[in-house]
Amino acid sequence: MGNGYHHHLPDMEFSAFFEKTTNLRGDIELYLKYFLFIKYKENIYVEVKNVGCVLMPFEELLKNKLLKMYYDLSLMLVKDKNRFVENVSDEGNRIWDAEITDIYKGRRNCFVDTAYILNDEVKTDKQYCYYDINPYELFGMKVDTASQIEFFNYTFKARLGYELSSTYKKRRIHYMDIVVGYVSILMEKELDEISAIEEDKQNLIKLVKFYDSKKYMNCDLFEVIYKNLIRASDAFAPYLANMDLANRDDVDKAIRAVVVSL
């Protein structure tokens, strides 16, 4: 069995959120949810368990508070947002995973390399986030009609609307704690390689590195990560304050300008 064929598509961004809960022995599945995303230009392809899939303008996703939360979380778990993997053997034959087929009720072989959550712990031992389409299909795919998008949103609310109840804030904090801990460990490992760099430059590198990969993240979520990972001086606070600017390019330029000046 091969490691799959890796496709790098700079015009697309792949991410996913997958969570599974089992009994203590791990042999009985109690709960499972998944949210799969492919952002392409101004649109985003979304698939949600028990809801369906839709290709909608990205701005439509931003209107959905709960869906946006899972999208933000997915960006922190993905390994390379511009890459997806086609599960094929060394001979080029498609590989069908029995567990994946059971989860999605059909055969799939294109996945995004991302971590997942099992019993409140982030895992990377297996890939679970498989798309029901080959991402190349998006190049010629038309955005769904307003009525189709409306139906998706209606179904989403009917199936997952309960998560917007009084438990939403608690759930959001819970997920953030899990994912922030995971991201913190990854970044600390990466920063071991640049430990010789003076503190201010190291902190700015951390900010730029994180911002580059998570620039579409919810602003207050970005701030939580920042405070957990970057112990910088107050001199960098204005860059967080500007995170709510409509034009993210301005923020990007401002951050990079400081890096160059150091």
C-alpha atoms as a PDB file:
ATOM      1  CA  MET A   1       0.000   0.000   0.000  1.00  0.00           C
ATOM      2  CA  GLY A   2       1.320   3.466  -0.922  1.00  0.00           C
ATOM      3  CA  ASN A   3       1.101   6.762   0.908  1.00  0.00           C
ATOM      4  CA  GLY A   4      -1.266   8.280  -1.607  1.00  0.00           C
ATOM      5  CA  TYR A   5      -0.826  10.869  -4.321  1.00  0.00           C
ATOM      6  CA  HIS A   6      -0.486  14.415  -3.002  1.00  0.00           C
ATOM      7  CA  HIS A   7      -2.124  17.247  -4.945  1.00  0.00           C
ATOM      8  CA  HIS A   8      -1.033  20.814  -4.257  1.00  0.00           C
ATOM      9  CA  LEU A   9      -3.604  23.399  -5.368  1.00  0.00           C
ATOM     10  CA  PRO A  10      -2.637  26.939  -4.324  1.00  0.00           C
ATOM     11  CA  ASP A  11      -6.041  28.326  -5.380  1.00  0.00           C
ATOM     12  CA  MET A  12      -7.887  26.016  -2.987  1.00  0.00           C
ATOM     13  CA  GLU A  13      -7.914  25.690   0.790  1.00  0.00           C
ATOM     14  CA  PHE A  14      -8.789  22.336   2.343  1.00  0.00           C
ATOM     15  CA  SER A  15      -9.773  21.819   5.962  1.00  0.00           C
ATOM     16  CA  ALA A  16     -12.065  19.675   8.085  1.00  0.00           C
ATOM     17  CA  PHE A  17     -13.317  19.087  11.596  1.00  0.00           C
ATOM     18  CA  PHE A  18     -13.929  15.481  12.631  1.00  0.00           C
ATOM     19  CA  GLU A  19     -14.907  14.343  16.114  1.00  0.00           C
ATOM     20  CA  LYS A  20     -15.694  10.892  17.446  1.00  0.00           C
ATOM     21  CA  THR A  21     -16.713   9.756  20.913  1.00  0.00           C
ATOM     22  CA  THR A  22     -16.591   6.116  22.020  1.00  0.00           C
ATOM     23  CA  ASN A  23     -17.154   4.094  25.160  1.00  0.00           C
ATOM     24  CA  LEU A  24     -14.273   3.528  27.576  1.00  0.00           C
ATOM     25  CA  ARG A  25     -13.131   0.389  25.767  1.00  0.00           C
ATOM     26  CA  GLY A  26     -13.206   2.191  22.442  1.00  0.00           C
ATOM     27  CA  ASP A  27     -15.158  -0.533  20.691  1.00  0.00           C
ATOM     28  CA  ILE A  28     -18.548   1.223  20.535  1.00  0.00           C
ATOM     29  CA  GLU A  29     -19.093   4.527  18.760  1.00  0.00           C
ATOM     30  CA  LEU A  30     -21.330   6.859  20.770  1.00  0.00           C
ATOM     31  CA  TYR A  31     -21.175  10.022  18.684  1.00  0.00           C
ATOM     32  CA  LEU A  32     -19.651  11.218  15.428  1.00  0.00           C
ATOM     33  CA  LYS A  33     -19.674  14.505  13.552  1.00  0.00           C
ATOM     34  CA  TYR A  34     -17.778  15.905  10.600  1.00  0.00           C
ATOM     35  CA  PHE A  35     -17.556  19.198   8.724  1.00  0.00           C
ATOM     36  CA  LEU A  36     -15.593  19.206   5.456  1.00  0.00           C
ATOM     37  CA  PHE A  37     -14.524  22.403   3.688  1.00  0.00           C
ATOM     38  CA  ILE A  38     -12.907  23.387   0.390  1.00  0.00           C
ATOM     39  CA  LYS A  39     -12.532  27.126  -0.164  1.00  0.00           C
ATOM     40  CA  TYR A  40     -12.070  28.096  -3.801  1.00  0.00           C
ATOM     41  CA  LYS A  41     -11.803  31.781  -4.727  1.00  0.00           C
ATOM     42  CA  GLU A  42     -14.880  33.517  -3.297  1.00  0.00           C
ATOM     43  CA  ASN A  43     -16.827  30.291  -2.738  1.00  0.00           C
ATOM     44  CA  ILE A  44     -16.667  27.388  -0.328  1.00  0.00           C
ATOM     45  CA  TYR A  45     -17.736  23.768  -0.630  1.00  0.00           C
ATOM     46  CA  VAL A  46     -19.197  22.418   2.591  1.00  0.00           C
ATOM     47  CA  GLU A  47     -20.304  18.949   3.653  1.00  0.00           C
ATOM     48  CA  VAL A  48     -21.803  18.263   7.076  1.00  0.00           C
ATOM     49  CA  LYS A  49     -22.823  14.894   8.495  1.00  0.00           C
ATOM     50  CA  ASN A  50     -26.602  14.359   8.372  1.00  0.00           C
ATOM     51  CA  VAL A  51     -27.035  17.677   6.551  1.00  0.00           C
ATOM     52  CA  GLY A  52     -25.539  17.286   3.081  1.00  0.00           C
ATOM     53  CA  CYS A  53     -23.230  19.316   0.884  1.00  0.00           C
ATOM     54  CA  VAL A  54     -23.416  22.704  -0.804  1.00  0.00           C
ATOM     55  CA  LEU A  55     -21.253  25.099  -2.809  1.00  0.00           C
ATOM     56  CA  MET A  56     -22.006  28.596  -1.544  1.00  0.00           C
ATOM     57  CA  PRO A  57     -20.406  32.044  -1.512  1.00  0.00           C
ATOM     58  CA  PHE A  58     -17.937  32.293   1.355  1.00  0.00           C
ATOM     59  CA  GLU A  59     -19.868  35.251   2.747  1.00  0.00           C
ATOM     60  CA  GLU A  60     -22.837  32.920   3.281  1.00  0.00           C
ATOM     61  CA  LEU A  61     -20.754  30.738   5.588  1.00  0.00           C
ATOM     62  CA  LEU A  62     -19.763  33.790   7.604  1.00  0.00           C
ATOM     63  CA  LYS A  63     -23.438  34.417   8.368  1.00  0.00           C
ATOM     64  CA  ASN A  64     -23.802  31.011  10.001  1.00  0.00           C
ATOM     65  CA  LYS A  65     -22.389  31.392  13.510  1.00  0.00           C
ATOM     66  CA  LEU A  66     -22.141  27.681  14.263  1.00  0.00           C
ATOM     67  CA  LEU A  67     -20.768  26.630  10.882  1.00  0.00           C
ATOM     68  CA  LYS A  68     -18.193  29.428  11.094  1.00  0.00           C
ATOM     69  CA  MET A  69     -17.068  28.106  14.480  1.00  0.00           C
ATOM     70  CA  TYR A  70     -16.338  24.666  13.022  1.00  0.00           C
ATOM     71  CA  TYR A  71     -14.621  26.244  10.018  1.00  0.00           C
ATOM     72  CA  ASP A  72     -12.348  28.241  12.333  1.00  0.00           C
ATOM     73  CA  LEU A  73     -11.481  25.103  14.272  1.00  0.00           C
ATOM     74  CA  SER A  74     -10.807  23.172  11.067  1.00  0.00           C
ATOM     75  CA  LEU A  75      -8.180  25.709  10.000  1.00  0.00           C
ATOM     76  CA  MET A  76      -6.189  25.030  13.146  1.00  0.00           C
ATOM     77  CA  LEU A  77      -6.185  21.265  12.687  1.00  0.00           C
ATOM     78  CA  VAL A  78      -5.171  20.994   9.028  1.00  0.00           C
ATOM     79  CA  LYS A  79      -1.557  20.217   8.170  1.00  0.00           C
ATOM     80  CA  ASP A  80      -1.335  21.910   4.761  1.00  0.00           C
ATOM     81  CA  LYS A  81      -4.415  23.866   3.690  1.00  0.00           C
ATOM     82  CA  ASN A  82      -3.431  23.847  -0.012  1.00  0.00           C
ATOM     83  CA  ARG A  83      -3.058  20.093  -0.346  1.00  0.00           C
ATOM     84  CA  PHE A  84      -5.318  17.080  -0.575  1.00  0.00           C
ATOM     85  CA  VAL A  85      -4.343  13.439  -0.887  1.00  0.00           C
ATOM     86  CA  GLU A  86      -5.723  10.798  -3.225  1.00  0.00           C
ATOM     87  CA  ASN A  87      -5.606   7.388  -1.581  1.00  0.00           C
ATOM     88  CA  VAL A  88      -3.931   5.190  -4.187  1.00  0.00           C
ATOM     89  CA  SER A  89      -1.471   2.304  -4.156  1.00  0.00           C
ATOM     90  CA  ASP A  90       2.082   2.422  -5.514  1.00  0.00           C
ATOM     91  CA  GLU A  91       0.663   0.989  -8.732  1.00  0.00           C
ATOM     92  CA  GLY A  92      -1.837   3.836  -9.034  1.00  0.00           C
ATOM     93  CA  ASN A  93      -4.936   1.872  -8.045  1.00  0.00           C
ATOM     94  CA  ARG A  94      -7.556   3.483  -5.831  1.00  0.00           C
ATOM     95  CA  ILE A  95      -7.626   2.285  -2.241  1.00  0.00           C
ATOM     96  CA  TRP A  96     -10.959   1.979  -0.467  1.00  0.00           C
ATOM     97  CA  ASP A  97     -10.870   1.994   3.328  1.00  0.00           C
ATOM     98  CA  ALA A  98     -13.627  -0.133   4.895  1.00  0.00           C
ATOM     99  CA  GLU A  99     -13.977   2.106   7.959  1.00  0.00           C
ATOM    100  CA  ILE A 100     -14.226   5.231   5.810  1.00  0.00           C
ATOM    101  CA  THR A 101     -16.828   3.561   3.589  1.00  0.00           C
ATOM    102  CA  ASP A 102     -18.869   2.724   6.682  1.00  0.00           C
ATOM    103  CA  ILE A 103     -18.639   6.263   8.075  1.00  0.00           C
ATOM    104  CA  TYR A 104     -19.663   8.004   4.856  1.00  0.00           C
ATOM    105  CA  LYS A 105     -21.969   5.236   3.587  1.00  0.00           C
ATOM    106  CA  GLY A 106     -20.060   5.131   0.319  1.00  0.00           C
ATOM    107  CA  ARG A 107     -16.564   4.763  -1.117  1.00  0.00           C
ATOM    108  CA  ARG A 108     -14.262   7.808  -1.017  1.00  0.00           C
ATOM    109  CA  ASN A 109     -10.557   8.168  -1.673  1.00  0.00           C
ATOM    110  CA  CYS A 110      -9.707  11.906  -1.590  1.00  0.00           C
ATOM    111  CA  PHE A 111      -8.899  13.286   1.853  1.00  0.00           C
ATOM    112  CA  VAL A 112      -7.372  16.282   3.600  1.00  0.00           C
ATOM    113  CA  ASP A 113      -4.410  15.583   5.882  1.00  0.00           C
ATOM    114  CA  THR A 114      -5.694  16.849   9.212  1.00  0.00           C
ATOM    115  CA  ALA A 115      -5.927  15.959  12.872  1.00  0.00           C
ATOM    116  CA  TYR A 116      -9.171  14.797  14.432  1.00  0.00           C
ATOM    117  CA  ILE A 117     -10.667  14.648  17.921  1.00  0.00           C
ATOM    118  CA  LEU A 118     -11.268  11.339  19.679  1.00  0.00           C
ATOM    119  CA  ASN A 119     -12.759  11.429  23.168  1.00  0.00           C
ATOM    120  CA  ASP A 120     -11.638  15.038  23.704  1.00  0.00           C
ATOM    121  CA  GLU A 121      -8.065  14.368  22.558  1.00  0.00           C
ATOM    122  CA  VAL A 122      -6.470  15.457  19.275  1.00  0.00           C
ATOM    123  CA  LYS A 123      -5.189  12.512  17.236  1.00  0.00           C
ATOM    124  CA  THR A 124      -3.150  12.191  14.035  1.00  0.00           C
ATOM    125  CA  ASP A 125      -2.847   8.420  13.694  1.00  0.00           C
ATOM    126  CA  LYS A 126      -5.414   8.085  10.891  1.00  0.00           C
ATOM    127  CA  GLN A 127      -7.066  10.207   8.212  1.00  0.00           C
ATOM    128  CA  TYR A 128     -10.842  10.436   8.515  1.00  0.00           C
ATOM    129  CA  CYS A 129     -11.763  13.518   6.497  1.00  0.00           C
ATOM    130  CA  TYR A 130     -12.659  12.253   3.026  1.00  0.00           C
ATOM    131  CA  TYR A 131     -14.496  14.335   0.408  1.00  0.00           C
ATOM    132  CA  ASP A 132     -17.417  13.009  -1.604  1.00  0.00           C
ATOM    133  CA  ILE A 133     -16.013  14.728  -4.702  1.00  0.00           C
ATOM    134  CA  ASN A 134     -12.646  14.990  -6.378  1.00  0.00           C
ATOM    135  CA  PRO A 135     -11.618  18.602  -5.614  1.00  0.00           C
ATOM    136  CA  TYR A 136     -10.728  19.167  -9.264  1.00  0.00           C
ATOM    137  CA  GLU A 137     -14.460  19.068  -9.976  1.00  0.00           C
ATOM    138  CA  LEU A 138     -14.777  22.467  -8.318  1.00  0.00           C
ATOM    139  CA  PHE A 139     -13.030  24.132 -11.252  1.00  0.00           C
ATOM    140  CA  GLY A 140     -16.147  23.700 -13.361  1.00  0.00           C
ATOM    141  CA  MET A 141     -18.779  23.589 -10.649  1.00  0.00           C
ATOM    142  CA  LYS A 142     -21.429  26.310 -10.404  1.00  0.00           C
ATOM    143  CA  VAL A 143     -22.485  27.789  -7.092  1.00  0.00           C
ATOM    144  CA  ASP A 144     -25.726  26.289  -5.838  1.00  0.00           C
ATOM    145  CA  THR A 145     -28.905  28.311  -6.308  1.00  0.00           C
ATOM    146  CA  ALA A 146     -30.311  30.521  -3.579  1.00  0.00           C
ATOM    147  CA  SER A 147     -33.044  27.974  -2.883  1.00  0.00           C
ATOM    148  CA  GLN A 148     -30.512  25.128  -2.587  1.00  0.00           C
ATOM    149  CA  ILE A 149     -28.394  27.167  -0.175  1.00  0.00           C
ATOM    150  CA  GLU A 150     -31.500  28.070   1.791  1.00  0.00           C
ATOM    151  CA  PHE A 151     -32.469  24.395   2.041  1.00  0.00           C
ATOM    152  CA  PHE A 152     -28.969  23.498   3.254  1.00  0.00           C
ATOM    153  CA  ASN A 153     -29.158  26.205   5.931  1.00  0.00           C
ATOM    154  CA  TYR A 154     -32.642  25.056   6.939  1.00  0.00           C
ATOM    155  CA  THR A 155     -31.494  21.447   7.287  1.00  0.00           C
ATOM    156  CA  PHE A 156     -28.365  22.546   9.143  1.00  0.00           C
ATOM    157  CA  LYS A 157     -30.444  24.472  11.649  1.00  0.00           C
ATOM    158  CA  ALA A 158     -32.931  21.631  12.040  1.00  0.00           C
ATOM    159  CA  ARG A 159     -30.193  19.056  12.687  1.00  0.00           C
ATOM    160  CA  LEU A 160     -27.648  21.145  14.615  1.00  0.00           C
ATOM    161  CA  GLY A 161     -29.581  24.156  15.849  1.00  0.00           C
ATOM    162  CA  TYR A 162     -29.568  22.769  19.377  1.00  0.00           C
ATOM    163  CA  GLU A 163     -25.845  23.572  19.534  1.00  0.00           C
ATOM    164  CA  LEU A 164     -26.741  27.267  19.427  1.00  0.00           C
ATOM    165  CA  SER A 165     -28.619  26.988  22.702  1.00  0.00           C
ATOM    166  CA  SER A 166     -27.178  27.941  26.063  1.00  0.00           C
ATOM    167  CA  THR A 167     -24.459  25.307  25.612  1.00  0.00           C
ATOM    168  CA  TYR A 168     -22.890  27.041  22.593  1.00  0.00           C
ATOM    169  CA  LYS A 169     -20.447  29.179  24.573  1.00  0.00           C
ATOM    170  CA  LYS A 170     -19.436  26.252  26.769  1.00  0.00           C
ATOM    171  CA  ARG A 171     -18.952  24.003  23.741  1.00  0.00           C
ATOM    172  CA  ARG A 172     -16.904  26.652  21.940  1.00  0.00           C
ATOM    173  CA  ILE A 173     -14.588  27.153  24.922  1.00  0.00           C
ATOM    174  CA  HIS A 174     -14.243  23.391  25.293  1.00  0.00           C
ATOM    175  CA  TYR A 175     -13.159  22.926  21.673  1.00  0.00           C
ATOM    176  CA  MET A 176     -10.828  25.904  21.842  1.00  0.00           C
ATOM    177  CA  ASP A 177      -9.077  24.471  24.893  1.00  0.00           C
ATOM    178  CA  ILE A 178      -8.529  21.157  23.099  1.00  0.00           C
ATOM    179  CA  VAL A 179      -7.341  22.657  19.818  1.00  0.00           C
ATOM    180  CA  VAL A 180      -5.241  25.445  21.350  1.00  0.00           C
ATOM    181  CA  GLY A 181      -3.372  22.856  23.384  1.00  0.00           C
ATOM    182  CA  TYR A 182      -2.658  20.863  20.232  1.00  0.00           C
ATOM    183  CA  VAL A 183      -1.527  23.894  18.206  1.00  0.00           C
ATOM    184  CA  SER A 184       0.641  25.101  21.081  1.00  0.00           C
ATOM    185  CA  ILE A 185       2.580  21.843  21.172  1.00  0.00           C
ATOM    186  CA  LEU A 186       3.115  21.865  17.396  1.00  0.00           C
ATOM    187  CA  MET A 187       4.351  25.429  17.305  1.00  0.00           C
ATOM    188  CA  GLU A 188       6.630  24.980  20.298  1.00  0.00           C
ATOM    189  CA  LYS A 189       8.311  22.099  18.481  1.00  0.00           C
ATOM    190  CA  GLU A 190       8.760  24.170  15.330  1.00  0.00           C
ATOM    191  CA  LEU A 191      10.176  27.072  17.313  1.00  0.00           C
ATOM    192  CA  ASP A 192      12.870  24.923  18.853  1.00  0.00           C
ATOM    193  CA  GLU A 193      14.659  25.347  15.533  1.00  0.00           C
ATOM    194  CA  ILE A 194      14.771  29.127  15.854  1.00  0.00           C
ATOM    195  CA  SER A 195      15.383  29.342  19.594  1.00  0.00           C
ATOM    196  CA  ALA A 196      18.567  31.309  19.017  1.00  0.00           C
ATOM    197  CA  ILE A 197      16.654  34.248  17.573  1.00  0.00           C
ATOM    198  CA  GLU A 198      16.187  37.154  19.972  1.00  0.00           C
ATOM    199  CA  GLU A 199      12.816  37.221  21.718  1.00  0.00           C
ATOM    200  CA  ASP A 200      11.096  40.020  19.797  1.00  0.00           C
ATOM    201  CA  LYS A 201      11.931  38.591  16.392  1.00  0.00           C
ATOM    202  CA  GLN A 202      10.919  35.129  17.546  1.00  0.00           C
ATOM    203  CA  ASN A 203       7.543  36.424  18.700  1.00  0.00           C
ATOM    204  CA  LEU A 204       6.945  38.234  15.424  1.00  0.00           C
ATOM    205  CA  ILE A 205       7.865  35.132  13.449  1.00  0.00           C
ATOM    206  CA  LYS A 206       5.365  33.190  15.504  1.00  0.00           C
ATOM    207  CA  LEU A 207       2.691  35.761  14.791  1.00  0.00           C
ATOM    208  CA  VAL A 208       3.373  35.903  11.051  1.00  0.00           C
ATOM    209  CA  LYS A 209       3.625  32.120  10.747  1.00  0.00           C
ATOM    210  CA  PHE A 210       0.360  31.660  12.580  1.00  0.00           C
ATOM    211  CA  TYR A 211      -1.372  34.515  10.753  1.00  0.00           C
ATOM    212  CA  ASP A 212      -0.352  33.179   7.336  1.00  0.00           C
ATOM    213  CA  SER A 213      -2.049  29.838   7.926  1.00  0.00           C
ATOM    214  CA  LYS A 214      -5.054  31.059   9.918  1.00  0.00           C
ATOM    215  CA  LYS A 215      -5.885  34.477   8.463  1.00  0.00           C
ATOM    216  CA  TYR A 216      -9.553  33.595   7.908  1.00  0.00           C
ATOM    217  CA  MET A 217     -10.011  32.611  11.525  1.00  0.00           C
ATOM    218  CA  ASN A 218     -12.520  34.351  13.758  1.00  0.00           C
ATOM    219  CA  CYS A 219     -10.742  37.372  15.272  1.00  0.00           C
ATOM    220  CA  ASP A 220     -11.329  36.591  18.931  1.00  0.00           C
ATOM    221  CA  LEU A 221     -10.235  33.006  18.327  1.00  0.00           C
ATOM    222  CA  PHE A 222      -6.998  34.331  16.828  1.00  0.00           C
ATOM    223  CA  GLU A 223      -6.496  36.437  19.948  1.00  0.00           C
ATOM    224  CA  VAL A 224      -6.885  33.438  22.230  1.00  0.00           C
ATOM    225  CA  ILE A 225      -4.176  31.576  20.314  1.00  0.00           C
ATOM    226  CA  TYR A 226      -1.974  34.658  20.303  1.00  0.00           C
ATOM    227  CA  LYS A 227      -2.166  35.065  24.068  1.00  0.00           C
ATOM    228  CA  ASN A 228      -1.446  31.376  24.616  1.00  0.00           C
ATOM    229  CA  LEU A 229       1.483  31.133  22.231  1.00  0.00           C
ATOM    230  CA  ILE A 230       3.096  34.537  21.966  1.00  0.00           C
ATOM    231  CA  ARG A 231       4.524  36.161  25.042  1.00  0.00           C
ATOM    232  CA  ALA A 232       5.434  39.385  23.324  1.00  0.00           C
ATOM    233  CA  SER A 233       5.610  42.914  24.629  1.00  0.00           C
ATOM    234  CA  ASP A 234       2.679  45.339  24.419  1.00  0.00           C
ATOM    235  CA  ALA A 235       4.296  46.794  21.306  1.00  0.00           C
ATOM    236  CA  PHE A 236       2.543  44.153  19.217  1.00  0.00           C
ATOM    237  CA  ALA A 237      -0.934  44.681  20.696  1.00  0.00           C
ATOM    238  CA  PRO A 238      -2.053  47.066  17.890  1.00  0.00           C
ATOM    239  CA  TYR A 239      -1.789  44.245  15.360  1.00  0.00           C
ATOM    240  CA  LEU A 240      -4.392  42.291  17.267  1.00  0.00           C
ATOM    241  CA  ALA A 241      -6.572  45.361  17.557  1.00  0.00           C
ATOM    242  CA  ASN A 242      -6.534  45.670  13.780  1.00  0.00           C
ATOM    243  CA  MET A 243      -7.611  42.088  13.182  1.00  0.00           C
ATOM    244  CA  ASP A 244     -11.211  43.190  12.647  1.00  0.00           C
ATOM    245  CA  LEU A 245     -10.307  45.331   9.649  1.00  0.00           C
ATOM    246  CA  ALA A 246     -12.271  44.506   6.517  1.00  0.00           C
ATOM    247  CA  ASN A 247      -9.114  44.442   4.453  1.00  0.00           C
ATOM    248  CA  ARG A 248      -6.900  41.701   5.888  1.00  0.00           C
ATOM    249  CA  ASP A 249      -4.143  42.724   3.452  1.00  0.00           C
ATOM    250  CA  ASP A 250      -3.613  45.872   5.554  1.00  0.00           C
ATOM    251  CA  VAL A 251      -3.028  43.745   8.637  1.00  0.00           C
ATOM    252  CA  ASP A 252      -0.666  41.492   6.737  1.00  0.00           C
ATOM    253  CA  LYS A 253       1.383  44.428   5.467  1.00  0.00           C
ATOM    254  CA  ALA A 254       1.527  46.013   8.912  1.00  0.00           C
ATOM    255  CA  ILE A 255       2.837  42.854  10.561  1.00  0.00           C
ATOM    256  CA  ARG A 256       5.397  42.232   7.858  1.00  0.00           C
ATOM    257  CA  ALA A 257       6.593  45.841   7.991  1.00  0.00           C
ATOM    258  CA  VAL A 258       7.535  45.414  11.630  1.00  0.00           C
ATOM    259  CA  VAL A 259       9.359  42.162  10.899  1.00  0.00           C
ATOM    260  CA  VAL A 260      11.427  43.802   8.195  1.00  0.00           C
ATOM    261  CA  SER A 261      12.289  46.727  10.467  1.00  0.00           C
ATOM    262  CA  LEU A 262      13.693  44.525  13.235  1.00  0.00           C
END
